[in-house]
PDB file of N, CA and C in Angstrom:
ATOM      1  N   ILE A   1     -30.579   3.401  13.817  1.00  0.00           N
ATOM      2  CA  ILE A   1     -29.882   4.675  13.793  1.00  0.00           C
ATOM      3  C   ILE A   1     -30.867   5.786  13.434  1.00  0.00           C
ATOM      4  N   GLU A   2     -31.705   5.529  12.434  1.00  0.00           N
ATOM      5  CA  GLU A   2     -32.636   6.566  11.968  1.00  0.00           C
ATOM      6  C   GLU A   2     -33.572   7.026  13.073  1.00  0.00           C
ATOM      7  N   SER A   3     -34.145   6.089  13.843  1.00  0.00           N
ATOM      8  CA  SER A   3     -35.078   6.495  14.898  1.00  0.00           C
ATOM      9  C   SER A   3     -34.361   7.271  15.998  1.00  0.00           C
ATOM     10  N   PHE A   4     -33.137   6.904  16.323  1.00  0.00           N
ATOM     11  CA  PHE A   4     -32.362   7.640  17.324  1.00  0.00           C
ATOM     12  C   PHE A   4     -32.090   9.063  16.845  1.00  0.00           C
ATOM     13  N   LEU A   5     -31.682   9.215  15.583  1.00  0.00           N
ATOM     14  CA  LEU A   5     -31.418  10.547  15.030  1.00  0.00           C
ATOM     15  C   LEU A   5     -32.693  11.387  15.000  1.00  0.00           C
ATOM     16  N   GLU A   6     -33.811  10.769  14.674  1.00  0.00           N
ATOM     17  CA  GLU A   6     -35.095  11.480  14.645  1.00  0.00           C
ATOM     18  C   GLU A   6     -35.473  11.981  16.036  1.00  0.00           C
ATOM     19  N   GLN A   7     -35.342  11.135  17.048  1.00  0.00           N
ATOM     20  CA  GLN A   7     -35.648  11.542  18.420  1.00  0.00           C
ATOM     21  C   GLN A   7     -34.720  12.657  18.877  1.00  0.00           C
ATOM     22  N   SER A   8     -33.450  12.557  18.536  1.00  0.00           N
ATOM     23  CA  SER A   8     -32.487  13.590  18.910  1.00  0.00           C
ATOM     24  C   SER A   8     -32.811  14.911  18.230  1.00  0.00           C
ATOM     25  N   ALA A   9     -33.200  14.861  16.961  1.00  0.00           N
ATOM     26  CA  ALA A   9     -33.542  16.075  16.217  1.00  0.00           C
ATOM     27  C   ALA A   9     -34.767  16.755  16.818  1.00  0.00           C
ATOM     28  N   GLU A  10     -35.759  15.968  17.220  1.00  0.00           N
ATOM     29  CA  GLU A  10     -36.975  16.527  17.810  1.00  0.00           C
ATOM     30  C   GLU A  10     -36.699  17.188  19.155  1.00  0.00           C
ATOM     31  N   ALA A  11     -35.702  16.713  19.884  1.00  0.00           N
ATOM     32  CA  ALA A  11     -35.385  17.257  21.202  1.00  0.00           C
ATOM     33  C   ALA A  11     -34.643  18.594  21.129  1.00  0.00           C
ATOM     34  N   LEU A  12     -34.067  18.910  19.987  1.00  0.00           N
ATOM     35  CA  LEU A  12     -33.308  20.154  19.853  1.00  0.00           C
ATOM     36  C   LEU A  12     -34.215  21.337  19.556  1.00  0.00           C
ATOM     37  N   ARG A  13     -33.806  22.489  20.043  1.00  0.00           N
ATOM     38  CA  ARG A  13     -34.557  23.719  19.799  1.00  0.00           C
ATOM     39  C   ARG A  13     -33.743  24.651  18.923  1.00  0.00           C
ATOM     40  N   GLY A  14     -34.391  25.668  18.442  1.00  0.00           N
ATOM     41  CA  GLY A  14     -33.693  26.710  17.699  1.00  0.00           C
ATOM     42  C   GLY A  14     -33.282  26.313  16.293  1.00  0.00           C
ATOM     43  N   GLY A  15     -33.983  25.365  15.678  1.00  0.00           N
ATOM     44  CA  GLY A  15     -33.682  24.996  14.299  1.00  0.00           C
ATOM     45  C   GLY A  15     -32.398  24.217  14.099  1.00  0.00           C
ATOM     46  N   LYS A  16     -31.889  23.575  15.153  1.00  0.00           N
ATOM     47  CA  LYS A  16     -30.640  22.817  15.037  1.00  0.00           C
ATOM     48  C   LYS A  16     -30.853  21.330  14.785  1.00  0.00           C
ATOM     49  N   GLY A  17     -32.089  20.900  14.671  1.00  0.00           N
ATOM     50  CA  GLY A  17     -32.383  19.478  14.537  1.00  0.00           C
ATOM     51  C   GLY A  17     -31.676  18.797  13.385  1.00  0.00           C
ATOM     52  N   HIS A  18     -31.520  19.500  12.282  1.00  0.00           N
ATOM     53  CA  HIS A  18     -30.862  18.905  11.110  1.00  0.00           C
ATOM     54  C   HIS A  18     -29.390  18.584  11.367  1.00  0.00           C
ATOM     55  N   LEU A  19     -28.775  19.227  12.365  1.00  0.00           N
ATOM     56  CA  LEU A  19     -27.347  19.016  12.634  1.00  0.00           C
ATOM     57  C   LEU A  19     -27.031  17.631  13.197  1.00  0.00           C
ATOM     58  N   VAL A  20     -28.025  16.940  13.755  1.00  0.00           N
ATOM     59  CA  VAL A  20     -27.753  15.599  14.282  1.00  0.00           C
ATOM     60  C   VAL A  20     -27.414  14.622  13.159  1.00  0.00           C
ATOM     61  N   ARG A  21     -27.785  14.963  11.924  1.00  0.00           N
ATOM     62  CA  ARG A  21     -27.484  14.107  10.773  1.00  0.00           C
ATOM     63  C   ARG A  21     -26.166  14.483  10.090  1.00  0.00           C
ATOM     64  N   THR A  22     -25.393  15.364  10.698  1.00  0.00           N
ATOM     65  CA  THR A  22     -24.096  15.738  10.134  1.00  0.00           C
ATOM     66  C   THR A  22     -23.177  14.524  10.134  1.00  0.00           C
ATOM     67  N   PHE A  23     -22.630  14.208   8.976  1.00  0.00           N
ATOM     68  CA  PHE A  23     -21.637  13.126   8.891  1.00  0.00           C
ATOM     69  C   PHE A  23     -20.352  13.703   9.466  1.00  0.00           C
ATOM     70  N   SER A  24     -20.051  13.358  10.711  1.00  0.00           N
ATOM     71  CA  SER A  24     -19.036  14.087  11.463  1.00  0.00           C
ATOM     72  C   SER A  24     -17.664  13.437  11.519  1.00  0.00           C
ATOM     73  N   GLU A  25     -17.581  12.169  11.241  1.00  0.00           N
ATOM     74  CA  GLU A  25     -16.277  11.514  11.406  1.00  0.00           C
ATOM     75  C   GLU A  25     -16.236  10.226  10.588  1.00  0.00           C
ATOM     76  N   PHE A  26     -15.068   9.933  10.045  1.00  0.00           N
ATOM     77  CA  PHE A  26     -14.842   8.676   9.344  1.00  0.00           C
ATOM     78  C   PHE A  26     -13.372   8.318   9.502  1.00  0.00           C
ATOM     79  N   SER A  27     -13.102   7.096   9.849  1.00  0.00           N
ATOM     80  CA  SER A  27     -11.710   6.647   9.952  1.00  0.00           C
ATOM     81  C   SER A  27     -11.643   5.172   9.595  1.00  0.00           C
ATOM     82  N   PHE A  28     -10.477   4.756   9.170  1.00  0.00           N
ATOM     83  CA  PHE A  28     -10.277   3.334   8.931  1.00  0.00           C
ATOM     84  C   PHE A  28      -9.005   2.917   9.634  1.00  0.00           C
ATOM     85  N   GLY A  29      -9.046   1.715  10.192  1.00  0.00           N
ATOM     86  CA  GLY A  29      -7.955   1.237  11.028  1.00  0.00           C
ATOM     87  C   GLY A  29      -6.727   0.808  10.246  1.00  0.00           C
ATOM     88  N   MET A  30      -5.572   1.052  10.856  1.00  0.00           N
ATOM     89  CA  MET A  30      -4.297   0.677  10.247  1.00  0.00           C
ATOM     90  C   MET A  30      -3.425  -0.160  11.189  1.00  0.00           C
ATOM     91  N   ASN A  31      -3.830  -0.291  12.444  1.00  0.00           N
ATOM     92  CA  ASN A  31      -2.988  -0.927  13.451  1.00  0.00           C
ATOM     93  C   ASN A  31      -3.192  -2.446  13.457  1.00  0.00           C
ATOM     94  N   PRO A  32      -2.182  -3.225  13.037  1.00  0.00           N
ATOM     95  CA  PRO A  32      -2.341  -4.679  13.014  1.00  0.00           C
ATOM     96  C   PRO A  32      -2.390  -5.310  14.409  1.00  0.00           C
ATOM     97  N   ARG A  33      -1.966  -4.583  15.439  1.00  0.00           N
ATOM     98  CA  ARG A  33      -1.975  -5.131  16.806  1.00  0.00           C
ATOM     99  C   ARG A  33      -3.250  -4.815  17.578  1.00  0.00           C
ATOM    100  N   ALA A  34      -4.038  -3.874  17.088  1.00  0.00           N
ATOM    101  CA  ALA A  34      -5.294  -3.531  17.761  1.00  0.00           C
ATOM    102  C   ALA A  34      -6.280  -4.686  17.609  1.00  0.00           C
ATOM    103  N   ARG A  35      -7.151  -4.834  18.595  1.00  0.00           N
ATOM    104  CA  ARG A  35      -8.138  -5.914  18.590  1.00  0.00           C
ATOM    105  C   ARG A  35      -9.540  -5.338  18.756  1.00  0.00           C
ATOM    106  N   ARG A  36     -10.488  -5.940  18.066  1.00  0.00           N
ATOM    107  CA  ARG A  36     -11.885  -5.517  18.179  1.00  0.00           C
ATOM    108  C   ARG A  36     -12.444  -5.857  19.544  1.00  0.00           C
ATOM    109  N   GLY A  37     -13.402  -5.027  19.968  1.00  0.00           N
ATOM    110  CA  GLY A  37     -14.152  -5.324  21.178  1.00  0.00           C
ATOM    111  C   GLY A  37     -13.491  -4.917  22.477  1.00  0.00           C
ATOM    112  N   LEU A  38     -12.397  -4.150  22.412  1.00  0.00           N
ATOM    113  CA  LEU A  38     -11.709  -3.731  23.634  1.00  0.00           C
ATOM    114  C   LEU A  38     -11.993  -2.275  23.984  1.00  0.00           C
ATOM    115  N   GLY A  39     -12.955  -1.666  23.317  1.00  0.00           N
ATOM    116  CA  GLY A  39     -13.306  -0.275  23.578  1.00  0.00           C
ATOM    117  C   GLY A  39     -13.218   0.557  22.311  1.00  0.00           C
ATOM    118  N   LEU A  40     -13.800   1.750  22.380  1.00  0.00           N
ATOM    119  CA  LEU A  40     -13.914   2.597  21.203  1.00  0.00           C
ATOM    120  C   LEU A  40     -12.567   2.947  20.588  1.00  0.00           C
ATOM    121  N   LEU A  41     -11.608   3.335  21.391  1.00  0.00           N
ATOM    122  CA  LEU A  41     -10.309   3.727  20.846  1.00  0.00           C
ATOM    123  C   LEU A  41      -9.644   2.571  20.105  1.00  0.00           C
ATOM    124  N   GLU A  42      -9.702   1.400  20.681  1.00  0.00           N
ATOM    125  CA  GLU A  42      -9.117   0.216  20.037  1.00  0.00           C
ATOM    126  C   GLU A  42      -9.892  -0.156  18.768  1.00  0.00           C
ATOM    127  N   ASP A  43     -11.220  -0.079  18.838  1.00  0.00           N
ATOM    128  CA  ASP A  43     -12.051  -0.406  17.674  1.00  0.00           C
ATOM    129  C   ASP A  43     -11.799   0.538  16.505  1.00  0.00           C
ATOM    130  N   GLN A  44     -11.511   1.802  16.792  1.00  0.00           N
ATOM    131  CA  GLN A  44     -11.270   2.785  15.738  1.00  0.00           C
ATOM    132  C   GLN A  44     -10.002   2.500  14.950  1.00  0.00           C
ATOM    133  N   CYS A  45      -9.014   1.882  15.561  1.00  0.00           N
ATOM    134  CA  CYS A  45      -7.731   1.708  14.868  1.00  0.00           C
ATOM    135  C   CYS A  45      -7.454   0.260  14.484  1.00  0.00           C
ATOM    136  N   TRP A  46      -8.405  -0.624  14.683  1.00  0.00           N
ATOM    137  CA  TRP A  46      -8.252  -2.038  14.345  1.00  0.00           C
ATOM    138  C   TRP A  46      -8.106  -2.192  12.836  1.00  0.00           C
ATOM    139  N   ARG A  47      -7.049  -2.826  12.400  1.00  0.00           N
ATOM    140  CA  ARG A  47      -6.785  -2.998  10.967  1.00  0.00           C
ATOM    141  C   ARG A  47      -7.854  -3.870  10.329  1.00  0.00           C
ATOM    142  N   GLY A  48      -8.430  -3.361   9.256  1.00  0.00           N
ATOM    143  CA  GLY A  48      -9.481  -4.085   8.559  1.00  0.00           C
ATOM    144  C   GLY A  48     -10.868  -3.579   8.872  1.00  0.00           C
ATOM    145  N   GLY A  49     -10.975  -2.612   9.770  1.00  0.00           N
ATOM    146  CA  GLY A  49     -12.271  -2.046  10.113  1.00  0.00           C
ATOM    147  C   GLY A  49     -12.342  -0.571   9.771  1.00  0.00           C
ATOM    148  N   ALA A  50     -13.525  -0.010   9.880  1.00  0.00           N
ATOM    149  CA  ALA A  50     -13.726   1.419   9.660  1.00  0.00           C
ATOM    150  C   ALA A  50     -14.797   1.907  10.630  1.00  0.00           C
ATOM    151  N   MET A  51     -14.696   3.172  11.017  1.00  0.00           N
ATOM    152  CA  MET A  51     -15.617   3.771  11.968  1.00  0.00           C
ATOM    153  C   MET A  51     -16.228   5.018  11.343  1.00  0.00           C
ATOM    154  N   PHE A  52     -17.515   5.265  11.631  1.00  0.00           N
ATOM    155  CA  PHE A  52     -18.184   6.479  11.167  1.00  0.00           C
ATOM    156  C   PHE A  52     -18.979   7.074  12.314  1.00  0.00           C
ATOM    157  N   ALA A  53     -19.306   8.357  12.206  1.00  0.00           N
ATOM    158  CA  ALA A  53     -20.099   9.018  13.239  1.00  0.00           C
ATOM    159  C   ALA A  53     -20.998  10.079  12.616  1.00  0.00           C
ATOM    160  N   PHE A  54     -22.132  10.303  13.279  1.00  0.00           N
ATOM    161  CA  PHE A  54     -23.058  11.375  12.932  1.00  0.00           C
ATOM    162  C   PHE A  54     -23.235  12.251  14.159  1.00  0.00           C
ATOM    163  N   GLY A  55     -23.423  13.551  13.952  1.00  0.00           N
ATOM    164  CA  GLY A  55     -23.733  14.449  15.055  1.00  0.00           C
ATOM    165  C   GLY A  55     -22.652  15.467  15.316  1.00  0.00           C
ATOM    166  N   ASN A  56     -22.364  15.684  16.595  1.00  0.00           N
ATOM    167  CA  ASN A  56     -21.427  16.721  17.019  1.00  0.00           C
ATOM    168  C   ASN A  56     -20.054  16.506  16.400  1.00  0.00           C
ATOM    169  N   ASN A  57     -19.508  17.584  15.814  1.00  0.00           N
ATOM    170  CA  ASN A  57     -18.162  17.498  15.247  1.00  0.00           C
ATOM    171  C   ASN A  57     -17.269  18.647  15.702  1.00  0.00           C
ATOM    172  N   THR A  58     -17.655  19.337  16.766  1.00  0.00           N
ATOM    173  CA  THR A  58     -16.883  20.502  17.212  1.00  0.00           C
ATOM    174  C   THR A  58     -15.505  20.126  17.743  1.00  0.00           C
ATOM    175  N   VAL A  59     -15.351  18.946  18.289  1.00  0.00           N
ATOM    176  CA  VAL A  59     -14.046  18.503  18.795  1.00  0.00           C
ATOM    177  C   VAL A  59     -13.028  18.406  17.658  1.00  0.00           C
ATOM    178  N   LEU A  60     -13.520  18.148  16.459  1.00  0.00           N
ATOM    179  CA  LEU A  60     -12.649  18.019  15.287  1.00  0.00           C
ATOM    180  C   LEU A  60     -12.583  19.311  14.475  1.00  0.00           C
ATOM    181  N   GLY A  61     -13.091  20.412  15.041  1.00  0.00           N
ATOM    182  CA  GLY A  61     -13.040  21.696  14.352  1.00  0.00           C
ATOM    183  C   GLY A  61     -14.265  22.020  13.531  1.00  0.00           C
ATOM    184  N   GLY A  62     -15.302  21.200  13.623  1.00  0.00           N
ATOM    185  CA  GLY A  62     -16.523  21.442  12.862  1.00  0.00           C
ATOM    186  C   GLY A  62     -17.449  22.432  13.541  1.00  0.00           C
ATOM    187  N   THR A  63     -18.610  22.656  12.945  1.00  0.00           N
ATOM    188  CA  THR A  63     -19.560  23.642  13.463  1.00  0.00           C
ATOM    189  C   THR A  63     -20.890  23.036  13.894  1.00  0.00           C
ATOM    190  N   ALA A  64     -21.039  21.729  13.835  1.00  0.00           N
ATOM    191  CA  ALA A  64     -22.285  21.071  14.250  1.00  0.00           C
ATOM    192  C   ALA A  64     -22.242  20.843  15.758  1.00  0.00           C
ATOM    193  N   SER A  65     -22.684  21.846  16.508  1.00  0.00           N
ATOM    194  CA  SER A  65     -22.659  21.783  17.965  1.00  0.00           C
ATOM    195  C   SER A  65     -24.001  21.258  18.469  1.00  0.00           C
ATOM    196  N   VAL A  66     -24.081  19.949  18.637  1.00  0.00           N
ATOM    197  CA  VAL A  66     -25.291  19.296  19.136  1.00  0.00           C
ATOM    198  C   VAL A  66     -24.895  18.285  20.209  1.00  0.00           C
ATOM    199  N   HIS A  67     -25.870  17.856  20.991  1.00  0.00           N
ATOM    200  CA  HIS A  67     -25.602  16.932  22.092  1.00  0.00           C
ATOM    201  C   HIS A  67     -25.447  15.484  21.636  1.00  0.00           C
ATOM    202  N   THR A  68     -25.687  15.212  20.380  1.00  0.00           N
ATOM    203  CA  THR A  68     -25.695  13.844  19.873  1.00  0.00           C
ATOM    204  C   THR A  68     -24.418  13.517  19.112  1.00  0.00           C
ATOM    205  N   ASN A  69     -23.880  12.338  19.356  1.00  0.00           N
ATOM    206  CA  ASN A  69     -22.789  11.796  18.547  1.00  0.00           C
ATOM    207  C   ASN A  69     -22.963  10.287  18.559  1.00  0.00           C
ATOM    208  N   ILE A  70     -23.386   9.756  17.446  1.00  0.00           N
ATOM    209  CA  ILE A  70     -23.600   8.313  17.352  1.00  0.00           C
ATOM    210  C   ILE A  70     -22.545   7.728  16.423  1.00  0.00           C
ATOM    211  N   ARG A  71     -21.903   6.665  16.869  1.00  0.00           N
ATOM    212  CA  ARG A  71     -20.815   6.053  16.113  1.00  0.00           C
ATOM    213  C   ARG A  71     -21.165   4.627  15.734  1.00  0.00           C
ATOM    214  N   GLY A  72     -20.569   4.205  14.651  1.00  0.00           N
ATOM    215  CA  GLY A  72     -20.754   2.835  14.201  1.00  0.00           C
ATOM    216  C   GLY A  72     -19.438   2.259  13.728  1.00  0.00           C
ATOM    217  N   LEU A  73     -19.290   0.970  13.867  1.00  0.00           N
ATOM    218  CA  LEU A  73     -18.084   0.270  13.442  1.00  0.00           C
ATOM    219  C   LEU A  73     -18.450  -0.695  12.320  1.00  0.00           C
ATOM    220  N   MET A  74     -17.678  -0.649  11.257  1.00  0.00           N
ATOM    221  CA  MET A  74     -17.888  -1.576  10.144  1.00  0.00           C
ATOM    222  C   MET A  74     -16.754  -2.594  10.148  1.00  0.00           C
ATOM    223  N   THR A  75     -17.110  -3.851  10.081  1.00  0.00           N
ATOM    224  CA  THR A  75     -16.103  -4.900   9.983  1.00  0.00           C
ATOM    225  C   THR A  75     -16.055  -5.374   8.538  1.00  0.00           C
ATOM    226  N   ALA A  76     -14.885  -5.559   8.024  1.00  0.00           N
ATOM    227  CA  ALA A  76     -14.661  -6.005   6.645  1.00  0.00           C
ATOM    228  C   ALA A  76     -15.355  -5.115   5.608  1.00  0.00           C
ATOM    229  N   PRO A  77     -15.178  -3.786   5.699  1.00  0.00           N
ATOM    230  CA  PRO A  77     -15.833  -2.906   4.730  1.00  0.00           C
ATOM    231  C   PRO A  77     -15.110  -2.868   3.387  1.00  0.00           C
ATOM    232  N   THR A  78     -15.837  -2.439   2.379  1.00  0.00           N
ATOM    233  CA  THR A  78     -15.247  -2.091   1.093  1.00  0.00           C
ATOM    234  C   THR A  78     -15.318  -0.576   0.988  1.00  0.00           C
ATOM    235  N   ILE A  79     -14.169   0.063   0.805  1.00  0.00           N
ATOM    236  CA  ILE A  79     -14.079   1.520   0.746  1.00  0.00           C
ATOM    237  C   ILE A  79     -13.441   1.910  -0.579  1.00  0.00           C
ATOM    238  N   GLU A  80     -14.120   2.810  -1.290  1.00  0.00           N
ATOM    239  CA  GLU A  80     -13.589   3.305  -2.558  1.00  0.00           C
ATOM    240  C   GLU A  80     -13.410   4.817  -2.483  1.00  0.00           C
ATOM    241  N   ILE A  81     -12.382   5.327  -3.135  1.00  0.00           N
ATOM    242  CA  ILE A  81     -12.155   6.759  -3.276  1.00  0.00           C
ATOM    243  C   ILE A  81     -12.141   7.058  -4.762  1.00  0.00           C
ATOM    244  N   ASP A  82     -13.046   7.917  -5.194  1.00  0.00           N
ATOM    245  CA  ASP A  82     -13.190   8.238  -6.621  1.00  0.00           C
ATOM    246  C   ASP A  82     -13.328   6.975  -7.471  1.00  0.00           C
ATOM    247  N   GLY A  83     -14.068   5.995  -6.956  1.00  0.00           N
ATOM    248  CA  GLY A  83     -14.305   4.766  -7.699  1.00  0.00           C
ATOM    249  C   GLY A  83     -13.164   3.772  -7.675  1.00  0.00           C
ATOM    250  N   LYS A  84     -12.094   4.096  -6.954  1.00  0.00           N
ATOM    251  CA  LYS A  84     -10.933   3.199  -6.881  1.00  0.00           C
ATOM    252  C   LYS A  84     -10.895   2.556  -5.501  1.00  0.00           C
ATOM    253  N   PRO A  85     -10.728   1.242  -5.445  1.00  0.00           N
ATOM    254  CA  PRO A  85     -10.766   0.557  -4.151  1.00  0.00           C
ATOM    255  C   PRO A  85      -9.561   0.877  -3.269  1.00  0.00           C
ATOM    256  N   LEU A  86      -9.857   1.273  -2.037  1.00  0.00           N
ATOM    257  CA  LEU A  86      -8.827   1.450  -1.018  1.00  0.00           C
ATOM    258  C   LEU A  86      -8.783   0.203  -0.136  1.00  0.00           C
ATOM    259  N   MET A  87      -9.977  -0.345   0.135  1.00  0.00           N
ATOM    260  CA  MET A  87     -10.111  -1.529   0.974  1.00  0.00           C
ATOM    261  C   MET A  87     -11.228  -2.383   0.390  1.00  0.00           C
ATOM    262  N   MET A  88     -10.981  -3.673   0.266  1.00  0.00           N
ATOM    263  CA  MET A  88     -11.987  -4.608  -0.230  1.00  0.00           C
ATOM    264  C   MET A  88     -12.236  -5.663   0.836  1.00  0.00           C
ATOM    265  N   GLU A  89     -13.454  -5.683   1.361  1.00  0.00           N
ATOM    266  CA  GLU A  89     -13.845  -6.635   2.401  1.00  0.00           C
ATOM    267  C   GLU A  89     -12.833  -6.679   3.541  1.00  0.00           C
ATOM    268  N   GLY A  90     -12.380  -5.497   3.970  1.00  0.00           N
ATOM    269  CA  GLY A  90     -11.470  -5.386   5.105  1.00  0.00           C
ATOM    270  C   GLY A  90     -10.002  -5.564   4.791  1.00  0.00           C
ATOM    271  N   LYS A  91      -9.659  -5.799   3.549  1.00  0.00           N
ATOM    272  CA  LYS A  91      -8.253  -5.970   3.146  1.00  0.00           C
ATOM    273  C   LYS A  91      -7.841  -4.756   2.315  1.00  0.00           C
ATOM    274  N   TYR A  92      -6.707  -4.158   2.680  1.00  0.00           N
ATOM    275  CA  TYR A  92      -6.211  -3.007   1.934  1.00  0.00           C
ATOM    276  C   TYR A  92      -5.721  -3.428   0.561  1.00  0.00           C
ATOM    277  N   THR A  93      -6.016  -2.604  -0.429  1.00  0.00           N
ATOM    278  CA  THR A  93      -5.504  -2.839  -1.773  1.00  0.00           C
ATOM    279  C   THR A  93      -4.103  -2.236  -1.840  1.00  0.00           C
ATOM    280  N   PRO A  94      -3.223  -2.775  -2.657  1.00  0.00           N
ATOM    281  CA  PRO A  94      -1.832  -2.320  -2.676  1.00  0.00           C
ATOM    282  C   PRO A  94      -1.661  -0.846  -3.020  1.00  0.00           C
ATOM    283  N   ARG A  95      -2.493  -0.315  -3.909  1.00  0.00           N
ATOM    284  CA  ARG A  95      -2.341   1.096  -4.285  1.00  0.00           C
ATOM    285  C   ARG A  95      -3.594   1.591  -4.984  1.00  0.00           C
ATOM    286  N   LEU A  96      -3.762   2.885  -4.948  1.00  0.00           N
ATOM    287  CA  LEU A  96      -4.838   3.525  -5.703  1.00  0.00           C
ATOM    288  C   LEU A  96      -4.299   3.847  -7.082  1.00  0.00           C
ATOM    289  N   THR A  97      -4.829   3.203  -8.111  1.00  0.00           N
ATOM    290  CA  THR A  97      -4.345   3.478  -9.470  1.00  0.00           C
ATOM    291  C   THR A  97      -5.458   3.982 -10.345  1.00  0.00           C
TER     292      THR A  97
END
């Protein structure tokens, strides 16, 4: 990922190179019927997974207008909010306490 972001940053003009490293998107799946490996839309909503992206975020109302958008899928992630577990190894915790 790092080398791709570096190459993308070098290709940009006008001081926009740093925008390719914008953390532009994060989602975690909730759909128990979605299956991994059937395409990006299905992978984004697969229960037990999470997706992240760097780069262009203008589609979501952001201001990082660059030609790059690199996405990644995490399987069985552990996600915490303010130090409290939301998901542990791909399994949702009952509540944030």
